[in-house]
């Protein structure tokens, strides 16, 4: 437990930020999993949903929730799989 008033405020801010970051990360994982499921099922709609996933990955990288290289790696691997769908 923080002793100083500023430390208490910083703790409140950290908790709030962690909740927001966790929400974004969870949404990102959900989108990626949904795309992978569509790819496995050879769903032609995957190309439409793919752009939403790309935007989410870029936003998460911009906010610092995931690192830039991690975002690029995720996008690259997902792009390869999407392109393999006929």
Protein backbone atom coordinates (compact mmCIF):
# COMPACT_ATOMS: atom_id res chain seq x y z
CA UNK A 1 0.00 0.00 0.00
CA UNK A 2 1.43 3.39 -0.97
CA UNK A 3 2.37 5.80 1.80
CA UNK A 4 2.26 9.08 -0.10
CA UNK A 5 -0.65 10.78 -1.77
CA UNK A 6 1.10 10.92 -5.15
CA UNK A 7 1.90 7.20 -4.94
CA UNK A 8 -1.79 6.44 -4.27
CA UNK A 9 -2.78 8.44 -7.33
CA UNK A 10 -0.12 6.71 -9.43
CA UNK A 11 -1.49 3.33 -8.30
CA UNK A 12 -5.01 4.34 -9.35
CA UNK A 13 -3.70 5.45 -12.75
CA UNK A 14 -1.78 2.21 -13.21
CA UNK A 15 -4.81 0.08 -12.41
CA UNK A 16 -6.92 2.05 -14.89
CA UNK A 17 -4.27 1.78 -17.62
CA UNK A 18 -3.79 -1.95 -17.04
CA UNK A 19 -7.53 -2.52 -17.44
CA UNK A 20 -7.62 -0.55 -20.70
CA UNK A 21 -4.55 -2.34 -22.09
CA UNK A 22 -5.93 -5.74 -21.12
CA UNK A 23 -9.18 -4.95 -22.92
CA UNK A 24 -7.34 -4.08 -26.14
CA UNK A 25 -5.07 -7.13 -25.91
CA UNK A 26 -8.04 -9.43 -25.33
CA UNK A 27 -9.91 -7.98 -28.31
CA UNK A 28 -6.82 -8.44 -30.45
CA UNK A 29 -6.46 -12.09 -29.48
CA UNK A 30 -10.16 -12.68 -30.16
CA UNK A 31 -9.90 -11.17 -33.65
CA UNK A 32 -6.79 -13.21 -34.50
CA UNK A 33 -8.41 -16.42 -33.26
CA UNK A 34 -11.55 -15.70 -35.27
CA UNK A 35 -9.45 -15.18 -38.40
CA UNK A 36 -7.54 -18.41 -37.84
CA UNK A 37 -10.83 -20.26 -37.38
CA UNK A 38 -12.13 -18.80 -40.67
CA UNK A 39 -8.91 -19.79 -42.44
CA UNK A 40 -9.18 -23.34 -41.16
CA UNK A 41 -12.77 -23.53 -42.42
CA UNK A 42 -11.74 -22.05 -45.83
CA UNK A 43 -14.25 -19.24 -45.34
CA UNK A 44 -14.16 -16.67 -48.15
CA UNK A 45 -15.28 -13.92 -45.73
CA UNK A 46 -11.87 -14.04 -44.02
CA UNK A 47 -10.43 -11.36 -46.33
CA UNK A 48 -13.04 -8.83 -45.15
CA UNK A 49 -12.48 -9.54 -41.46
CA UNK A 50 -8.72 -9.59 -41.99
CA UNK A 51 -8.57 -5.80 -42.43
CA UNK A 52 -10.20 -5.26 -39.01
CA UNK A 53 -7.60 -7.50 -37.46
CA UNK A 54 -4.78 -5.60 -39.18
CA UNK A 55 -6.14 -2.30 -37.85
CA UNK A 56 -6.38 -3.73 -34.33
CA UNK A 57 -2.79 -5.00 -34.48
CA UNK A 58 -1.54 -1.62 -35.72
CA UNK A 59 -3.44 0.26 -33.01
CA UNK A 60 -2.12 -2.04 -30.29
CA UNK A 61 1.44 -1.52 -31.55
CA UNK A 62 0.95 2.25 -31.72
CA UNK A 63 -0.31 2.34 -28.13
CA UNK A 64 2.59 0.17 -26.97
CA UNK A 65 0.46 -2.77 -25.90
CA UNK A 66 2.48 -5.02 -28.19
CA UNK A 67 5.89 -4.20 -29.63
CA UNK A 68 6.32 -3.07 -33.22
CA UNK A 69 8.21 -6.19 -34.34
CA UNK A 70 5.65 -8.44 -32.67
CA UNK A 71 2.89 -6.64 -34.56
CA UNK A 72 4.73 -7.01 -37.85
CA UNK A 73 5.37 -10.70 -37.19
CA UNK A 74 1.71 -11.35 -36.35
CA UNK A 75 0.55 -9.49 -39.46
CA UNK A 76 3.01 -11.32 -41.69
CA UNK A 77 2.11 -14.78 -40.44
CA UNK A 78 -1.60 -14.05 -40.64
CA UNK A 79 -1.24 -12.57 -44.13
CA UNK A 80 0.48 -15.75 -45.37
CA UNK A 81 -2.36 -17.87 -44.04
CA UNK A 82 -5.06 -15.60 -45.47
CA UNK A 83 -3.41 -15.65 -48.90
CA UNK A 84 -3.38 -19.45 -48.85
CA UNK A 85 -7.20 -19.49 -48.64
CA UNK A 86 -8.81 -19.94 -52.05
